[in-house]
N, C-alpha and C. Protein backbone atom coordinates (compact mmCIF):
# COMPACT_ATOMS: atom_id res chain seq x y z
N UNK A 1 -6.06 2.46 1.35
CA UNK A 1 -5.86 2.62 2.18
C UNK A 1 -6.63 2.65 3.45
N UNK A 2 -7.58 3.82 3.86
CA UNK A 2 -8.69 3.54 4.70
C UNK A 2 -9.14 1.75 4.77
N UNK A 3 -9.42 1.49 3.73
CA UNK A 3 -9.77 0.12 4.04
C UNK A 3 -8.97 -0.72 4.92
N UNK A 4 -7.96 -0.84 4.12
CA UNK A 4 -6.41 -1.50 5.16
C UNK A 4 -6.67 -1.00 6.17
N UNK A 5 -6.32 0.07 6.89
CA UNK A 5 -5.98 0.32 8.04
C UNK A 5 -7.37 0.06 8.92
N UNK A 6 -8.30 0.31 8.82
CA UNK A 6 -9.37 -0.08 9.36
C UNK A 6 -9.74 -1.81 9.57
N UNK A 7 -9.11 -2.39 8.26
CA UNK A 7 -9.01 -3.96 8.49
C UNK A 7 -7.96 -4.04 9.65
N UNK A 8 -6.82 -3.53 9.98
CA UNK A 8 -5.59 -3.69 10.83
C UNK A 8 -5.62 -3.39 11.91
N UNK A 9 -7.28 -1.95 12.15
CA UNK A 9 -7.64 -1.64 13.61
C UNK A 9 -8.13 -2.90 13.89
N UNK A 10 -9.78 -3.44 12.97
CA UNK A 10 -10.42 -4.70 13.82
C UNK A 10 -9.28 -5.70 14.00
N UNK A 11 -8.83 -6.07 13.09
CA UNK A 11 -7.65 -7.45 13.63
C UNK A 11 -6.81 -7.05 14.95
N UNK A 12 -6.54 -5.98 15.11
CA UNK A 12 -5.86 -5.38 16.51
C UNK A 12 -7.02 -5.77 17.56
N UNK A 13 -8.06 -4.84 17.25
CA UNK A 13 -8.96 -5.02 18.88
C UNK A 13 -9.27 -6.95 18.80
N UNK A 14 -9.47 -7.75 17.41
CA UNK A 14 -9.77 -8.75 18.22
C UNK A 14 -8.51 -9.74 18.52
N UNK A 15 -7.28 -9.38 18.23
CA UNK A 15 -6.38 -9.43 19.44
C UNK A 15 -5.89 -9.72 20.56
N UNK A 16 -6.54 -8.49 21.09
CA UNK A 16 -6.40 -7.82 22.33
C UNK A 16 -7.67 -8.84 23.08
N UNK A 17 -8.83 -8.77 22.39
CA UNK A 17 -10.05 -9.65 23.29
C UNK A 17 -9.43 -11.03 23.27
N UNK A 18 -8.93 -11.46 22.48
CA UNK A 18 -8.43 -12.96 22.24
C UNK A 18 -7.22 -12.91 23.41
N UNK A 19 -6.27 -12.16 23.05
CA UNK A 19 -4.88 -12.57 23.50
C UNK A 19 -5.06 -11.76 25.00
N UNK A 20 -5.89 -10.82 25.15
CA UNK A 20 -5.92 -10.43 26.49
C UNK A 20 -4.80 -9.37 27.05
N UNK A 21 -5.08 -8.19 25.98
CA UNK A 21 -3.75 -6.95 26.49
C UNK A 21 -5.14 -5.74 25.80
N UNK A 22 -4.40 -4.77 25.81
CA UNK A 22 -5.38 -3.50 25.82
C UNK A 22 -4.67 -2.82 24.44
N UNK A 23 -5.65 -2.49 23.79
CA UNK A 23 -5.39 -2.03 22.57
C UNK A 23 -6.00 -0.83 22.29
N UNK A 24 -5.45 0.45 22.24
CA UNK A 24 -6.51 1.87 21.99
C UNK A 24 -6.55 2.32 20.57
N UNK A 25 -7.50 2.77 19.90
CA UNK A 25 -7.29 3.09 18.70
C UNK A 25 -8.33 4.04 18.28
N UNK A 26 -8.00 5.33 17.74
CA UNK A 26 -6.65 5.99 17.56
C UNK A 26 -5.84 6.20 18.97
N UNK A 27 -4.65 6.35 18.55
CA UNK A 27 -3.63 7.25 19.16
C UNK A 27 -3.20 8.37 18.69
N UNK A 28 -3.06 9.36 19.32
CA UNK A 28 -2.67 10.58 18.79
C UNK A 28 -1.22 10.75 19.81
N UNK A 29 -0.35 11.59 19.04
CA UNK A 29 1.00 12.15 19.85
C UNK A 29 0.95 13.60 19.32
N UNK A 30 1.32 13.99 20.02
CA UNK A 30 2.08 15.51 20.02
C UNK A 30 3.13 15.85 19.67
N UNK A 31 3.64 16.01 18.70
CA UNK A 31 5.28 16.21 18.61
C UNK A 31 5.67 17.68 19.46
N UNK A 32 7.18 17.21 18.99
CA UNK A 32 8.08 18.19 19.70
C UNK A 32 7.68 19.70 18.93
N UNK A 33 7.24 20.14 17.94
CA UNK A 33 6.67 20.88 17.11
C UNK A 33 5.20 21.60 17.00
N UNK A 34 4.88 20.91 17.53
CA UNK A 34 3.52 20.93 18.62
C UNK A 34 2.40 20.58 17.36
N UNK A 35 3.03 19.72 16.60
CA UNK A 35 2.06 18.80 15.15
C UNK A 35 1.44 17.58 15.67
N UNK A 36 -0.10 17.19 15.87
CA UNK A 36 -1.00 16.55 16.48
C UNK A 36 -0.91 15.13 15.09
N UNK A 37 -0.08 13.95 16.06
CA UNK A 37 0.29 12.86 14.37
C UNK A 37 -0.53 11.81 15.00
N UNK A 38 -1.50 10.98 13.76
CA UNK A 38 -2.26 10.17 14.40
C UNK A 38 -1.73 8.83 14.41
N UNK A 39 -2.02 7.59 14.72
CA UNK A 39 -1.53 6.36 14.67
C UNK A 39 -2.72 5.30 14.64
N UNK A 40 -2.81 4.49 14.01
CA UNK A 40 -3.71 3.69 13.82
C UNK A 40 -4.27 3.14 15.48
N UNK A 41 -3.48 2.85 16.08
CA UNK A 41 -3.71 2.61 17.96
C UNK A 41 -2.11 2.37 18.43
N UNK A 42 -2.47 2.14 19.60
CA UNK A 42 -1.46 1.97 20.51
C UNK A 42 -1.85 0.61 21.23
N UNK A 43 -0.68 0.01 20.97
CA UNK A 43 -0.74 -1.63 22.01
C UNK A 43 -0.13 -1.20 23.48
N UNK A 44 -0.57 -1.62 24.08
CA UNK A 44 -0.22 -0.91 25.70
C UNK A 44 0.56 -2.62 26.29
N UNK A 45 1.32 -2.14 27.03
CA UNK A 45 2.53 -3.60 27.60
C UNK A 45 3.73 -4.38 26.76
N UNK A 46 3.52 -3.44 25.54
CA UNK A 46 4.34 -4.63 24.72
C UNK A 46 4.78 -3.52 23.76
N UNK A 47 6.93 -3.69 24.00
CA UNK A 47 7.52 -3.26 22.93
C UNK A 47 8.24 -1.86 23.77
N UNK A 48 8.03 -0.85 23.74
CA UNK A 48 8.75 0.05 24.68
C UNK A 48 8.00 0.46 26.02
N UNK A 49 8.50 0.62 26.85
CA UNK A 49 7.63 0.80 28.11
C UNK A 49 6.27 1.22 28.38
N UNK A 50 6.08 2.37 26.97
CA UNK A 50 4.94 3.15 27.45
C UNK A 50 4.15 2.43 26.21
N UNK A 51 4.81 1.17 25.56
CA UNK A 51 3.94 0.22 24.37
C UNK A 51 4.18 0.56 22.99
N UNK A 52 3.55 0.24 22.00
CA UNK A 52 3.95 0.56 20.56
C UNK A 52 2.51 0.88 20.08
N UNK A 53 3.10 2.28 18.93
CA UNK A 53 2.16 2.53 18.45
C UNK A 53 2.37 1.74 16.86
N UNK A 54 1.22 1.84 16.11
CA UNK A 54 1.31 1.09 15.23
C UNK A 54 0.67 2.27 14.36
N UNK A 55 1.17 2.18 13.01
CA UNK A 55 0.93 2.39 11.63
C UNK A 55 0.88 2.18 10.20
N UNK A 56 0.86 2.24 9.34
CA UNK A 56 0.62 1.59 7.96
C UNK A 56 2.20 1.42 7.41
N UNK A 57 2.74 0.12 6.63
CA UNK A 57 3.86 -0.11 6.22
C UNK A 57 3.48 0.35 4.74
N UNK A 58 4.56 1.81 4.54
CA UNK A 58 3.88 2.24 2.95
C UNK A 58 5.64 1.38 2.10
N UNK A 59 4.43 1.37 0.86
CA UNK A 59 5.76 0.66 -0.06
C UNK A 59 7.00 1.50 -0.55
N UNK A 60 8.20 0.42 -0.10
CA UNK A 60 9.54 1.14 -0.08
C UNK A 60 9.98 1.30 1.21
N UNK A 61 9.50 1.67 2.04
CA UNK A 61 9.87 1.70 3.79
C UNK A 61 10.89 0.18 3.81
N UNK A 62 11.91 0.31 4.50
CA UNK A 62 12.71 -0.99 5.14
C UNK A 62 12.48 -1.26 5.92
N UNK A 63 12.53 -0.59 7.32
CA UNK A 63 12.43 -1.02 8.47
C UNK A 63 10.73 -0.75 9.08
N UNK A 64 10.27 -1.81 9.86
CA UNK A 64 8.84 -1.98 9.92
C UNK A 64 8.83 -2.02 11.20
N UNK A 65 10.11 -1.48 12.20
CA UNK A 65 9.68 -1.62 13.99
C UNK A 65 11.07 -0.82 14.52
N UNK A 66 10.65 0.12 14.53
CA UNK A 66 11.54 1.20 15.32
C UNK A 66 11.36 1.89 16.59
N UNK A 67 12.37 2.16 17.08
CA UNK A 67 12.19 3.44 18.72
C UNK A 67 11.56 4.22 18.10
N UNK A 68 10.27 5.38 18.43
CA UNK A 68 9.80 6.48 18.73
C UNK A 68 10.87 7.08 19.76
N UNK A 69 10.58 6.75 20.65
CA UNK A 69 11.85 7.48 21.95
C UNK A 69 12.12 6.08 22.45
N UNK A 70 13.12 5.90 23.60
CA UNK A 70 13.43 4.75 24.12
C UNK A 70 11.76 4.20 24.78
N UNK A 71 10.78 4.90 25.12
CA UNK A 71 9.73 4.72 25.90
C UNK A 71 8.74 4.38 25.15
N UNK A 72 8.55 4.54 23.71
CA UNK A 72 7.76 3.80 22.69
C UNK A 72 8.29 3.95 21.43
N UNK A 73 7.67 2.45 20.83
CA UNK A 73 8.24 2.22 19.57
C UNK A 73 6.68 2.39 18.73
N UNK A 74 7.52 2.20 17.40
CA UNK A 74 6.21 2.11 16.15
C UNK A 74 6.60 0.60 15.46
N UNK A 75 5.69 0.31 15.22
CA UNK A 75 5.19 -0.81 14.06
C UNK A 75 4.69 -0.52 13.36
N UNK A 76 5.21 -0.63 11.82
CA UNK A 76 4.73 -0.24 10.61
C UNK A 76 4.20 -1.40 10.19
N UNK A 77 2.58 -1.89 9.74
CA UNK A 77 2.65 -2.97 9.71
C UNK A 77 1.37 -3.15 8.22
N UNK A 78 1.13 -4.22 7.49
CA UNK A 78 0.79 -4.18 6.09
C UNK A 78 -0.38 -5.41 6.40
N UNK A 79 -0.44 -6.20 4.94
CA UNK A 79 -1.53 -6.73 4.66
C UNK A 79 -1.39 -8.54 5.75
N UNK A 80 -0.21 -8.76 6.27
CA UNK A 80 -0.04 -9.78 6.94
C UNK A 80 -0.83 -9.70 8.37
N UNK A 81 -0.87 -8.17 8.90
CA UNK A 81 -1.91 -7.68 10.42
C UNK A 81 -3.46 -7.46 9.77
N UNK A 82 -3.79 -7.38 8.74
CA UNK A 82 -4.87 -6.80 8.12
C UNK A 82 -6.03 -8.17 8.77
N UNK A 83 -6.12 -9.56 8.74
CA UNK A 83 -7.27 -10.35 9.44
C UNK A 83 -6.61 -11.25 10.91
N UNK A 84 -6.84 -11.25 11.84
CA UNK A 84 -6.58 -12.06 12.97
C UNK A 84 -5.91 -13.05 12.72
N UNK A 85 -5.07 -13.76 12.79
CA UNK A 85 -4.82 -15.21 12.90
C UNK A 85 -3.56 -15.46 14.38
N UNK A 86 -4.49 -15.82 14.75
CA UNK A 86 -3.85 -15.65 16.47
C UNK A 86 -2.08 -16.13 16.51
N UNK A 87 -1.65 -17.58 15.70
CA UNK A 87 -0.22 -17.65 15.82
C UNK A 87 0.75 -16.15 15.40
N UNK A 88 -0.16 -15.29 14.32
CA UNK A 88 1.00 -14.33 13.69
C UNK A 88 0.93 -13.20 14.96
N UNK A 89 -0.22 -13.07 15.39
CA UNK A 89 -0.43 -11.56 16.42
C UNK A 89 0.65 -11.91 17.72
N UNK A 90 0.86 -13.42 18.13
CA UNK A 90 1.22 -13.93 19.09
C UNK A 90 2.76 -13.70 19.17
N UNK A 91 2.89 -14.27 17.94
CA UNK A 91 4.47 -14.34 17.29
C UNK A 91 5.14 -12.86 17.30
N UNK A 92 3.75 -11.74 16.77
CA UNK A 92 4.55 -10.63 16.87
C UNK A 92 4.51 -9.96 18.19
N UNK A 93 4.06 -10.18 18.77
CA UNK A 93 3.92 -9.61 20.30
C UNK A 93 4.88 -10.26 21.45
N UNK A 94 5.25 -11.39 20.90
CA UNK A 94 6.29 -11.88 21.16
C UNK A 94 7.86 -11.42 21.12
N UNK A 95 7.80 -11.39 19.73
CA UNK A 95 9.53 -10.44 19.02
C UNK A 95 9.46 -8.78 19.51
N UNK A 96 7.99 -8.64 19.98
CA UNK A 96 8.17 -7.32 20.42
C UNK A 96 8.73 -7.33 22.03
N UNK A 97 8.33 -8.16 23.02
CA UNK A 97 8.42 -8.18 23.99
C UNK A 97 7.63 -7.67 24.93
N UNK A 98 7.28 -8.43 26.02
CA UNK A 98 6.44 -7.45 26.98
C UNK A 98 7.02 -6.66 28.07
N UNK A 99 6.66 -5.84 28.00
CA UNK A 99 7.02 -4.44 28.81
C UNK A 99 6.20 -3.92 29.62
N UNK A 100 5.02 -4.50 30.28
CA UNK A 100 3.64 -4.30 31.38
C UNK A 100 4.22 -4.41 32.74
N UNK A 101 3.46 -4.50 33.61
CA UNK A 101 3.65 -4.96 34.60
C UNK A 101 3.47 -6.51 35.03
N UNK A 102 4.55 -6.87 35.53
CA UNK A 102 4.49 -8.38 35.46
C UNK A 102 3.41 -9.26 36.26
N UNK A 103 2.87 -8.58 36.98
CA UNK A 103 1.47 -9.17 37.18
C UNK A 103 0.18 -9.67 36.60
N UNK A 104 0.51 -8.24 35.06
CA UNK A 104 -0.37 -8.39 34.10
C UNK A 104 0.15 -9.31 32.68
N UNK A 105 1.19 -10.21 32.83
CA UNK A 105 1.19 -11.08 32.05
C UNK A 105 0.73 -11.66 31.34
N UNK A 106 0.63 -11.83 29.93
CA UNK A 106 -0.59 -12.49 29.67
C UNK A 106 0.61 -14.15 30.20
N UNK A 107 -0.56 -14.65 30.40
CA UNK A 107 -0.15 -16.24 30.47
C UNK A 107 0.67 -17.37 29.13
N UNK A 108 0.10 -16.66 28.14
CA UNK A 108 0.99 -17.29 26.74
C UNK A 108 2.17 -16.78 26.69
N UNK A 109 2.53 -15.76 26.97
CA UNK A 109 3.66 -14.58 27.13
C UNK A 109 4.82 -15.57 27.83
N UNK A 110 6.34 -15.85 26.65
CA UNK A 110 7.45 -16.60 27.51
C UNK A 110 7.57 -15.91 28.87
N UNK A 111 8.31 -16.32 29.85
CA UNK A 111 8.68 -15.92 31.32
C UNK A 111 9.92 -15.09 30.53
N UNK A 112 10.48 -13.88 31.04
CA UNK A 112 11.83 -12.58 30.65
C UNK A 112 12.95 -14.06 30.94
N UNK A 113 14.16 -13.97 30.26
CA UNK A 113 14.96 -14.43 30.37
C UNK A 113 16.12 -13.56 31.66
């Protein structure tokens, strides 16, 4: 599992450099009951208004994308995102939707409807 996590993190760093967005890894969240939860990273500007947290998809989980709260979403990723493929990552980000400042929207991202 650690090896898969490392590969996913490396692929997102590569995607961020190539597709011109911000990715921070690791990312920590303090829960309401004061537990510290660590995610593989945070993709800024896509998904919720505060971005999308990424973590491993575990065997048997049905949902791969959900709202953490209305501002921050969670994507559960697996092998498909463990090596960088520009079309796959671009498609993922387009599916999540751009939520950052309009002036910073990447040129490859379709304009909002």
